[in-house]
Amino acid sequence: QADGVVNCKAMVNELVSGQVTANFFEGMGCVGGCVGGPKSILDKDIAKDNVNTYGEKAIYPTPIDNPYVIELLHRLGFDTPESLVEDNKFFTRKF
């Protein structure tokens, strides 16, 4: 996990060079993530605590457990979460 542009760039360089292996990487442009971004109106530690408290109260532990997420995937034409990942065209943008 990296936060801040400099740290994200360093993480990408480590990935490209093969220095790191894992199955999930997270890069956040703002230091502290979205709750620490330039438009935040709360102290980032307070905001982080608020997000964590909200997460602890969540009915569904992950998006894949949420029936509304599965319904959205079906509306987008995907039968399973795996089919979303397998469809590379869905994540490709042309400019």
PDB file of N, CA and C in Angstrom:
ATOM      1  N   GLN A   1       0.854  -1.169   0.000  1.00  0.00           N
ATOM      2  CA  GLN A   1       0.000   0.000   0.000  1.00  0.00           C
ATOM      3  C   GLN A   1       0.894   1.224   0.000  1.00  0.00           C
ATOM      4  N   ALA A   2       0.491   2.210  -0.785  1.00  0.00           N
ATOM      5  CA  ALA A   2       1.250   3.453  -0.844  1.00  0.00           C
ATOM      6  C   ALA A   2       0.281   4.619  -0.845  1.00  0.00           C
ATOM      7  N   ASP A   3       0.652   5.681  -0.159  1.00  0.00           N
ATOM      8  CA  ASP A   3      -0.158   6.892  -0.250  1.00  0.00           C
ATOM      9  C   ASP A   3       0.734   8.077  -0.549  1.00  0.00           C
ATOM     10  N   GLY A   4       0.189   8.983  -1.342  1.00  0.00           N
ATOM     11  CA  GLY A   4       0.974  10.096  -1.854  1.00  0.00           C
ATOM     12  C   GLY A   4       1.573   9.713  -3.201  1.00  0.00           C
ATOM     13  N   VAL A   5       1.654  10.677  -4.093  1.00  0.00           N
ATOM     14  CA  VAL A   5       2.106  10.415  -5.460  1.00  0.00           C
ATOM     15  C   VAL A   5       3.521   9.846  -5.492  1.00  0.00           C
ATOM     16  N   VAL A   6       4.416  10.387  -4.706  1.00  0.00           N
ATOM     17  CA  VAL A   6       5.807   9.920  -4.702  1.00  0.00           C
ATOM     18  C   VAL A   6       5.874   8.449  -4.292  1.00  0.00           C
ATOM     19  N   ASN A   7       5.154   8.086  -3.234  1.00  0.00           N
ATOM     20  CA  ASN A   7       5.158   6.695  -2.774  1.00  0.00           C
ATOM     21  C   ASN A   7       4.486   5.764  -3.776  1.00  0.00           C
ATOM     22  N   CYS A   8       3.431   6.248  -4.445  1.00  0.00           N
ATOM     23  CA  CYS A   8       2.765   5.430  -5.471  1.00  0.00           C
ATOM     24  C   CYS A   8       3.717   5.150  -6.629  1.00  0.00           C
ATOM     25  N   LYS A   9       4.452   6.172  -7.043  1.00  0.00           N
ATOM     26  CA  LYS A   9       5.399   5.989  -8.146  1.00  0.00           C
ATOM     27  C   LYS A   9       6.481   4.982  -7.747  1.00  0.00           C
ATOM     28  N   ALA A  10       6.971   5.077  -6.523  1.00  0.00           N
ATOM     29  CA  ALA A  10       7.990   4.134  -6.048  1.00  0.00           C
ATOM     30  C   ALA A  10       7.437   2.712  -6.032  1.00  0.00           C
ATOM     31  N   MET A  11       6.184   2.556  -5.603  1.00  0.00           N
ATOM     32  CA  MET A  11       5.573   1.233  -5.572  1.00  0.00           C
ATOM     33  C   MET A  11       5.435   0.667  -6.986  1.00  0.00           C
ATOM     34  N   VAL A  12       4.997   1.488  -7.930  1.00  0.00           N
ATOM     35  CA  VAL A  12       4.870   1.033  -9.318  1.00  0.00           C
ATOM     36  C   VAL A  12       6.228   0.606  -9.861  1.00  0.00           C
ATOM     37  N   ASN A  13       7.264   1.381  -9.572  1.00  0.00           N
ATOM     38  CA  ASN A  13       8.610   1.019 -10.029  1.00  0.00           C
ATOM     39  C   ASN A  13       9.060  -0.317  -9.441  1.00  0.00           C
ATOM     40  N   GLU A  14       8.749  -0.555  -8.167  1.00  0.00           N
ATOM     41  CA  GLU A  14       9.085  -1.833  -7.537  1.00  0.00           C
ATOM     42  C   GLU A  14       8.321  -2.984  -8.195  1.00  0.00           C
ATOM     43  N   LEU A  15       7.068  -2.741  -8.545  1.00  0.00           N
ATOM     44  CA  LEU A  15       6.266  -3.769  -9.217  1.00  0.00           C
ATOM     45  C   LEU A  15       6.831  -4.090 -10.589  1.00  0.00           C
ATOM     46  N   VAL A  16       7.139  -3.051 -11.346  1.00  0.00           N
ATOM     47  CA  VAL A  16       7.646  -3.225 -12.704  1.00  0.00           C
ATOM     48  C   VAL A  16       8.978  -3.966 -12.700  1.00  0.00           C
ATOM     49  N   SER A  17       9.820  -3.660 -11.719  1.00  0.00           N
ATOM     50  CA  SER A  17      11.139  -4.294 -11.662  1.00  0.00           C
ATOM     51  C   SER A  17      11.097  -5.692 -11.045  1.00  0.00           C
ATOM     52  N   GLY A  18       9.927  -6.108 -10.550  1.00  0.00           N
ATOM     53  CA  GLY A  18       9.801  -7.444  -9.970  1.00  0.00           C
ATOM     54  C   GLY A  18      10.314  -7.556  -8.551  1.00  0.00           C
ATOM     55  N   GLN A  19      10.536  -6.429  -7.876  1.00  0.00           N
ATOM     56  CA  GLN A  19      11.045  -6.454  -6.504  1.00  0.00           C
ATOM     57  C   GLN A  19       9.987  -6.902  -5.501  1.00  0.00           C
ATOM     58  N   VAL A  20       8.718  -6.775  -5.872  1.00  0.00           N
ATOM     59  CA  VAL A  20       7.630  -7.072  -4.952  1.00  0.00           C
ATOM     60  C   VAL A  20       6.651  -8.030  -5.631  1.00  0.00           C
ATOM     61  N   THR A  21       6.139  -8.972  -4.863  1.00  0.00           N
ATOM     62  CA  THR A  21       5.079  -9.835  -5.381  1.00  0.00           C
ATOM     63  C   THR A  21       3.955  -9.885  -4.359  1.00  0.00           C
ATOM     64  N   ALA A  22       2.764  -9.749  -4.834  1.00  0.00           N
ATOM     65  CA  ALA A  22       1.560  -9.838  -4.001  1.00  0.00           C
ATOM     66  C   ALA A  22       0.384  -9.942  -4.955  1.00  0.00           C
ATOM     67  N   ASN A  23      -0.793 -10.196  -4.413  1.00  0.00           N
ATOM     68  CA  ASN A  23      -1.957 -10.294  -5.287  1.00  0.00           C
ATOM     69  C   ASN A  23      -2.847  -9.058  -5.220  1.00  0.00           C
ATOM     70  N   PHE A  24      -2.477  -8.067  -4.424  1.00  0.00           N
ATOM     71  CA  PHE A  24      -3.261  -6.834  -4.343  1.00  0.00           C
ATOM     72  C   PHE A  24      -2.335  -5.684  -3.985  1.00  0.00           C
ATOM     73  N   PHE A  25      -2.455  -4.612  -4.725  1.00  0.00           N
ATOM     74  CA  PHE A  25      -1.691  -3.397  -4.458  1.00  0.00           C
ATOM     75  C   PHE A  25      -2.658  -2.230  -4.436  1.00  0.00           C
ATOM     76  N   GLU A  26      -2.443  -1.305  -3.525  1.00  0.00           N
ATOM     77  CA  GLU A  26      -3.313  -0.139  -3.450  1.00  0.00           C
ATOM     78  C   GLU A  26      -2.453   1.111  -3.441  1.00  0.00           C
ATOM     79  N   GLY A  27      -2.753   2.014  -4.344  1.00  0.00           N
ATOM     80  CA  GLY A  27      -2.071   3.296  -4.394  1.00  0.00           C
ATOM     81  C   GLY A  27      -3.075   4.425  -4.284  1.00  0.00           C
ATOM     82  N   MET A  28      -2.826   5.335  -3.359  1.00  0.00           N
ATOM     83  CA  MET A  28      -3.725   6.468  -3.146  1.00  0.00           C
ATOM     84  C   MET A  28      -2.951   7.751  -3.410  1.00  0.00           C
ATOM     85  N   GLY A  29      -3.468   8.572  -4.297  1.00  0.00           N
ATOM     86  CA  GLY A  29      -2.773   9.800  -4.666  1.00  0.00           C
ATOM     87  C   GLY A  29      -2.594  10.762  -3.501  1.00  0.00           C
ATOM     88  N   CYS A  30      -3.568  10.834  -2.632  1.00  0.00           N
ATOM     89  CA  CYS A  30      -3.492  11.753  -1.492  1.00  0.00           C
ATOM     90  C   CYS A  30      -2.865  11.053  -0.290  1.00  0.00           C
ATOM     91  N   VAL A  31      -2.018  11.762   0.434  1.00  0.00           N
ATOM     92  CA  VAL A  31      -1.450  11.214   1.664  1.00  0.00           C
ATOM     93  C   VAL A  31      -2.597  10.993   2.644  1.00  0.00           C
ATOM     94  N   GLY A  32      -2.706   9.779   3.145  1.00  0.00           N
ATOM     95  CA  GLY A  32      -3.826   9.447   4.017  1.00  0.00           C
ATOM     96  C   GLY A  32      -5.036   8.949   3.250  1.00  0.00           C
ATOM     97  N   GLY A  33      -4.913   8.831   1.934  1.00  0.00           N
ATOM     98  CA  GLY A  33      -6.035   8.380   1.113  1.00  0.00           C
ATOM     99  C   GLY A  33      -7.050   9.487   0.910  1.00  0.00           C
ATOM    100  N   CYS A  34      -8.227   9.108   0.480  1.00  0.00           N
ATOM    101  CA  CYS A  34      -9.270  10.093   0.179  1.00  0.00           C
ATOM    102  C   CYS A  34      -9.627  10.943   1.395  1.00  0.00           C
ATOM    103  N   VAL A  35      -9.602  10.338   2.583  1.00  0.00           N
ATOM    104  CA  VAL A  35      -9.967  11.102   3.774  1.00  0.00           C
ATOM    105  C   VAL A  35      -8.912  12.143   4.130  1.00  0.00           C
ATOM    106  N   GLY A  36      -7.736  12.054   3.529  1.00  0.00           N
ATOM    107  CA  GLY A  36      -6.684  13.036   3.784  1.00  0.00           C
ATOM    108  C   GLY A  36      -6.472  13.974   2.613  1.00  0.00           C
ATOM    109  N   GLY A  37      -7.383  13.943   1.656  1.00  0.00           N
ATOM    110  CA  GLY A  37      -7.229  14.733   0.437  1.00  0.00           C
ATOM    111  C   GLY A  37      -7.380  16.229   0.653  1.00  0.00           C
ATOM    112  N   PRO A  38      -7.114  17.004  -0.402  1.00  0.00           N
ATOM    113  CA  PRO A  38      -7.099  18.458  -0.289  1.00  0.00           C
ATOM    114  C   PRO A  38      -8.451  19.084   0.033  1.00  0.00           C
ATOM    115  N   LYS A  39      -9.550  18.406  -0.235  1.00  0.00           N
ATOM    116  CA  LYS A  39     -10.874  18.972   0.042  1.00  0.00           C
ATOM    117  C   LYS A  39     -11.466  18.458   1.349  1.00  0.00           C
ATOM    118  N   SER A  40     -10.682  17.714   2.117  1.00  0.00           N
ATOM    119  CA  SER A  40     -11.233  17.185   3.362  1.00  0.00           C
ATOM    120  C   SER A  40     -11.445  18.323   4.351  1.00  0.00           C
ATOM    121  N   ILE A  41     -12.517  18.211   5.114  1.00  0.00           N
ATOM    122  CA  ILE A  41     -12.835  19.258   6.088  1.00  0.00           C
ATOM    123  C   ILE A  41     -12.586  18.787   7.519  1.00  0.00           C
ATOM    124  N   LEU A  42     -12.185  17.530   7.649  1.00  0.00           N
ATOM    125  CA  LEU A  42     -11.863  16.976   8.958  1.00  0.00           C
ATOM    126  C   LEU A  42     -10.383  16.632   9.028  1.00  0.00           C
ATOM    127  N   ASP A  43      -9.859  16.624  10.223  1.00  0.00           N
ATOM    128  CA  ASP A  43      -8.512  16.113  10.444  1.00  0.00           C
ATOM    129  C   ASP A  43      -8.462  14.683   9.914  1.00  0.00           C
ATOM    130  N   LYS A  44      -7.370  14.317   9.223  1.00  0.00           N
ATOM    131  CA  LYS A  44      -7.339  13.001   8.567  1.00  0.00           C
ATOM    132  C   LYS A  44      -7.445  11.843   9.554  1.00  0.00           C
ATOM    133  N   ASP A  45      -6.940  11.998  10.769  1.00  0.00           N
ATOM    134  CA  ASP A  45      -7.058  10.910  11.746  1.00  0.00           C
ATOM    135  C   ASP A  45      -8.504  10.741  12.218  1.00  0.00           C
ATOM    136  N   ILE A  46      -9.210  11.855  12.401  1.00  0.00           N
ATOM    137  CA  ILE A  46     -10.628  11.787  12.778  1.00  0.00           C
ATOM    138  C   ILE A  46     -11.434  11.186  11.634  1.00  0.00           C
ATOM    139  N   ALA A  47     -11.155  11.631  10.419  1.00  0.00           N
ATOM    140  CA  ALA A  47     -11.865  11.104   9.252  1.00  0.00           C
ATOM    141  C   ALA A  47     -11.612   9.608   9.096  1.00  0.00           C
ATOM    142  N   LYS A  48     -10.373   9.183   9.306  1.00  0.00           N
ATOM    143  CA  LYS A  48     -10.033   7.757   9.209  1.00  0.00           C
ATOM    144  C   LYS A  48     -10.807   6.957  10.248  1.00  0.00           C
ATOM    145  N   ASP A  49     -10.873   7.477  11.473  1.00  0.00           N
ATOM    146  CA  ASP A  49     -11.643   6.797  12.520  1.00  0.00           C
ATOM    147  C   ASP A  49     -13.117   6.691  12.134  1.00  0.00           C
ATOM    148  N   ASN A  50     -13.665   7.765  11.543  1.00  0.00           N
ATOM    149  CA  ASN A  50     -15.066   7.746  11.111  1.00  0.00           C
ATOM    150  C   ASN A  50     -15.302   6.677  10.044  1.00  0.00           C
ATOM    151  N   VAL A  51     -14.391   6.582   9.082  1.00  0.00           N
ATOM    152  CA  VAL A  51     -14.520   5.580   8.023  1.00  0.00           C
ATOM    153  C   VAL A  51     -14.423   4.178   8.616  1.00  0.00           C
ATOM    154  N   ASN A  52     -13.488   3.969   9.526  1.00  0.00           N
ATOM    155  CA  ASN A  52     -13.345   2.649  10.154  1.00  0.00           C
ATOM    156  C   ASN A  52     -14.582   2.270  10.966  1.00  0.00           C
ATOM    157  N   THR A  53     -15.148   3.225  11.687  1.00  0.00           N
ATOM    158  CA  THR A  53     -16.368   2.974  12.459  1.00  0.00           C
ATOM    159  C   THR A  53     -17.515   2.604  11.531  1.00  0.00           C
ATOM    160  N   TYR A  54     -17.643   3.338  10.433  1.00  0.00           N
ATOM    161  CA  TYR A  54     -18.678   3.037   9.443  1.00  0.00           C
ATOM    162  C   TYR A  54     -18.491   1.619   8.898  1.00  0.00           C
ATOM    163  N   GLY A  55     -17.255   1.261   8.587  1.00  0.00           N
ATOM    164  CA  GLY A  55     -16.969  -0.070   8.062  1.00  0.00           C
ATOM    165  C   GLY A  55     -17.296  -1.176   9.046  1.00  0.00           C
ATOM    166  N   GLU A  56     -17.037  -0.927  10.321  1.00  0.00           N
ATOM    167  CA  GLU A  56     -17.329  -1.930  11.348  1.00  0.00           C
ATOM    168  C   GLU A  56     -18.826  -2.184  11.477  1.00  0.00           C
ATOM    169  N   LYS A  57     -19.638  -1.183  11.135  1.00  0.00           N
ATOM    170  CA  LYS A  57     -21.092  -1.319  11.226  1.00  0.00           C
ATOM    171  C   LYS A  57     -21.711  -1.870   9.944  1.00  0.00           C
ATOM    172  N   ALA A  58     -20.900  -2.069   8.921  1.00  0.00           N
ATOM    173  CA  ALA A  58     -21.417  -2.524   7.628  1.00  0.00           C
ATOM    174  C   ALA A  58     -22.076  -3.894   7.759  1.00  0.00           C
ATOM    175  N   ILE A  59     -23.182  -4.052   7.084  1.00  0.00           N
ATOM    176  CA  ILE A  59     -23.900  -5.322   7.100  1.00  0.00           C
ATOM    177  C   ILE A  59     -23.120  -6.390   6.339  1.00  0.00           C
ATOM    178  N   TYR A  60     -22.498  -5.996   5.231  1.00  0.00           N
ATOM    179  CA  TYR A  60     -21.774  -6.933   4.370  1.00  0.00           C
ATOM    180  C   TYR A  60     -20.276  -6.687   4.519  1.00  0.00           C
ATOM    181  N   PRO A  61     -19.499  -7.731   4.837  1.00  0.00           N
ATOM    182  CA  PRO A  61     -18.065  -7.539   5.084  1.00  0.00           C
ATOM    183  C   PRO A  61     -17.259  -7.149   3.846  1.00  0.00           C
ATOM    184  N   THR A  62     -17.709  -7.568   2.667  1.00  0.00           N
ATOM    185  CA  THR A  62     -16.999  -7.228   1.429  1.00  0.00           C
ATOM    186  C   THR A  62     -18.029  -6.909   0.351  1.00  0.00           C
ATOM    187  N   PRO A  63     -17.620  -6.210  -0.701  1.00  0.00           N
ATOM    188  CA  PRO A  63     -18.565  -5.927  -1.789  1.00  0.00           C
ATOM    189  C   PRO A  63     -19.162  -7.200  -2.397  1.00  0.00           C
ATOM    190  N   ILE A  64     -18.392  -8.252  -2.462  1.00  0.00           N
ATOM    191  CA  ILE A  64     -18.866  -9.490  -3.083  1.00  0.00           C
ATOM    192  C   ILE A  64     -19.972 -10.137  -2.256  1.00  0.00           C
ATOM    193  N   ASP A  65     -20.036  -9.830  -0.968  1.00  0.00           N
ATOM    194  CA  ASP A  65     -21.096 -10.343  -0.101  1.00  0.00           C
ATOM    195  C   ASP A  65     -22.375  -9.518  -0.200  1.00  0.00           C
ATOM    196  N   ASN A  66     -22.288  -8.369  -0.828  1.00  0.00           N
ATOM    197  CA  ASN A  66     -23.415  -7.445  -0.914  1.00  0.00           C
ATOM    198  C   ASN A  66     -24.300  -7.809  -2.108  1.00  0.00           C
ATOM    199  N   PRO A  67     -25.550  -8.192  -1.866  1.00  0.00           N
ATOM    200  CA  PRO A  67     -26.419  -8.581  -2.981  1.00  0.00           C
ATOM    201  C   PRO A  67     -26.674  -7.441  -3.967  1.00  0.00           C
ATOM    202  N   TYR A  68     -26.566  -6.209  -3.514  1.00  0.00           N
ATOM    203  CA  TYR A  68     -26.770  -5.075  -4.418  1.00  0.00           C
ATOM    204  C   TYR A  68     -25.608  -4.939  -5.404  1.00  0.00           C
ATOM    205  N   VAL A  69     -24.423  -5.279  -4.962  1.00  0.00           N
ATOM    206  CA  VAL A  69     -23.265  -5.269  -5.863  1.00  0.00           C
ATOM    207  C   VAL A  69     -23.428  -6.360  -6.914  1.00  0.00           C
ATOM    208  N   ILE A  70     -23.864  -7.528  -6.485  1.00  0.00           N
ATOM    209  CA  ILE A  70     -24.082  -8.632  -7.426  1.00  0.00           C
ATOM    210  C   ILE A  70     -25.178  -8.260  -8.422  1.00  0.00           C
ATOM    211  N   GLU A  71     -26.233  -7.614  -7.947  1.00  0.00           N
ATOM    212  CA  GLU A  71     -27.298  -7.158  -8.851  1.00  0.00           C
ATOM    213  C   GLU A  71     -26.749  -6.171  -9.879  1.00  0.00           C
ATOM    214  N   LEU A  72     -25.902  -5.263  -9.446  1.00  0.00           N
ATOM    215  CA  LEU A  72     -25.296  -4.299 -10.367  1.00  0.00           C
ATOM    216  C   LEU A  72     -24.443  -5.011 -11.416  1.00  0.00           C
ATOM    217  N   LEU A  73     -23.655  -5.984 -10.991  1.00  0.00           N
ATOM    218  CA  LEU A  73     -22.861  -6.761 -11.948  1.00  0.00           C
ATOM    219  C   LEU A  73     -23.756  -7.420 -12.991  1.00  0.00           C
ATOM    220  N   HIS A  74     -24.872  -7.991 -12.541  1.00  0.00           N
ATOM    221  CA  HIS A  74     -25.801  -8.626 -13.481  1.00  0.00           C
ATOM    222  C   HIS A  74     -26.375  -7.601 -14.455  1.00  0.00           C
ATOM    223  N   ARG A  75     -26.712  -6.421 -13.958  1.00  0.00           N
ATOM    224  CA  ARG A  75     -27.239  -5.365 -14.837  1.00  0.00           C
ATOM    225  C   ARG A  75     -26.204  -4.923 -15.867  1.00  0.00           C
ATOM    226  N   LEU A  76     -24.937  -5.016 -15.503  1.00  0.00           N
ATOM    227  CA  LEU A  76     -23.858  -4.657 -16.427  1.00  0.00           C
ATOM    228  C   LEU A  76     -23.523  -5.798 -17.384  1.00  0.00           C
ATOM    229  N   GLY A  77     -24.187  -6.939 -17.208  1.00  0.00           N
ATOM    230  CA  GLY A  77     -23.992  -8.054 -18.123  1.00  0.00           C
ATOM    231  C   GLY A  77     -22.985  -9.094 -17.671  1.00  0.00           C
ATOM    232  N   PHE A  78     -22.629  -9.091 -16.407  1.00  0.00           N
ATOM    233  CA  PHE A  78     -21.668 -10.065 -15.887  1.00  0.00           C
ATOM    234  C   PHE A  78     -22.394 -11.096 -15.029  1.00  0.00           C
ATOM    235  N   ASP A  79     -22.117 -12.369 -15.292  1.00  0.00           N
ATOM    236  CA  ASP A  79     -22.779 -13.442 -14.549  1.00  0.00           C
ATOM    237  C   ASP A  79     -22.170 -13.648 -13.171  1.00  0.00           C
ATOM    238  N   THR A  80     -20.863 -13.481 -13.081  1.00  0.00           N
ATOM    239  CA  THR A  80     -20.148 -13.708 -11.824  1.00  0.00           C
ATOM    240  C   THR A  80     -19.112 -12.604 -11.636  1.00  0.00           C
ATOM    241  N   PRO A  81     -18.629 -12.406 -10.417  1.00  0.00           N
ATOM    242  CA  PRO A  81     -17.538 -11.439 -10.217  1.00  0.00           C
ATOM    243  C   PRO A  81     -16.302 -11.808 -11.034  1.00  0.00           C
ATOM    244  N   GLU A  82     -16.052 -13.108 -11.185  1.00  0.00           N
ATOM    245  CA  GLU A  82     -14.894 -13.552 -11.966  1.00  0.00           C
ATOM    246  C   GLU A  82     -15.018 -13.133 -13.428  1.00  0.00           C
ATOM    247  N   SER A  83     -16.241 -13.156 -13.964  1.00  0.00           N
ATOM    248  CA  SER A  83     -16.418 -12.770 -15.366  1.00  0.00           C
ATOM    249  C   SER A  83     -16.108 -11.291 -15.575  1.00  0.00           C
ATOM    250  N   LEU A  84     -16.300 -10.478 -14.548  1.00  0.00           N
ATOM    251  CA  LEU A  84     -15.923  -9.060 -14.633  1.00  0.00           C
ATOM    252  C   LEU A  84     -14.418  -8.931 -14.787  1.00  0.00           C
ATOM    253  N   VAL A  85     -13.673  -9.677 -13.995  1.00  0.00           N
ATOM    254  CA  VAL A  85     -12.214  -9.616 -14.040  1.00  0.00           C
ATOM    255  C   VAL A  85     -11.685 -10.170 -15.357  1.00  0.00           C
ATOM    256  N   GLU A  86     -12.330 -11.204 -15.866  1.00  0.00           N
ATOM    257  CA  GLU A  86     -11.882 -11.829 -17.111  1.00  0.00           C
ATOM    258  C   GLU A  86     -12.131 -10.955 -18.336  1.00  0.00           C
ATOM    259  N   ASP A  87     -13.087 -10.025 -18.251  1.00  0.00           N
ATOM    260  CA  ASP A  87     -13.427  -9.170 -19.390  1.00  0.00           C
ATOM    261  C   ASP A  87     -12.498  -7.963 -19.416  1.00  0.00           C
ATOM    262  N   ASN A  88     -11.366  -8.101 -20.100  1.00  0.00           N
ATOM    263  CA  ASN A  88     -10.377  -7.023 -20.148  1.00  0.00           C
ATOM    264  C   ASN A  88     -10.900  -5.774 -20.836  1.00  0.00           C
ATOM    265  N   LYS A  89     -11.842  -5.928 -21.770  1.00  0.00           N
ATOM    266  CA  LYS A  89     -12.364  -4.768 -22.492  1.00  0.00           C
ATOM    267  C   LYS A  89     -13.100  -3.810 -21.558  1.00  0.00           C
ATOM    268  N   PHE A  90     -13.684  -4.339 -20.497  1.00  0.00           N
ATOM    269  CA  PHE A  90     -14.434  -3.502 -19.571  1.00  0.00           C
ATOM    270  C   PHE A  90     -13.530  -2.465 -18.906  1.00  0.00           C
ATOM    271  N   PHE A  91     -12.263  -2.809 -18.711  1.00  0.00           N
ATOM    272  CA  PHE A  91     -11.333  -1.916 -18.027  1.00  0.00           C
ATOM    273  C   PHE A  91     -10.443  -1.127 -18.979  1.00  0.00           C
ATOM    274  N   THR A  92     -10.697  -1.222 -20.275  1.00  0.00           N
ATOM    275  CA  THR A  92      -9.868  -0.533 -21.264  1.00  0.00           C
ATOM    276  C   THR A  92     -10.593   0.698 -21.783  1.00  0.00           C
ATOM    277  N   ARG A  93      -9.894   1.820 -21.754  1.00  0.00           N
ATOM    278  CA  ARG A  93     -10.463   3.060 -22.290  1.00  0.00           C
ATOM    279  C   ARG A  93      -9.655   3.495 -23.490  1.00  0.00           C
ATOM    280  N   LYS A  94     -10.330   4.014 -24.483  1.00  0.00           N
ATOM    281  CA  LYS A  94      -9.655   4.534 -25.670  1.00  0.00           C
ATOM    282  C   LYS A  94      -9.861   6.030 -25.715  1.00  0.00           C
ATOM    283  N   PHE A  95      -8.785   6.753 -25.931  1.00  0.00           N
ATOM    284  CA  PHE A  95      -8.855   8.214 -25.979  1.00  0.00           C
ATOM    285  C   PHE A  95      -8.621   8.705 -27.381  1.00  0.00           C
TER     286      PHE A  95
END
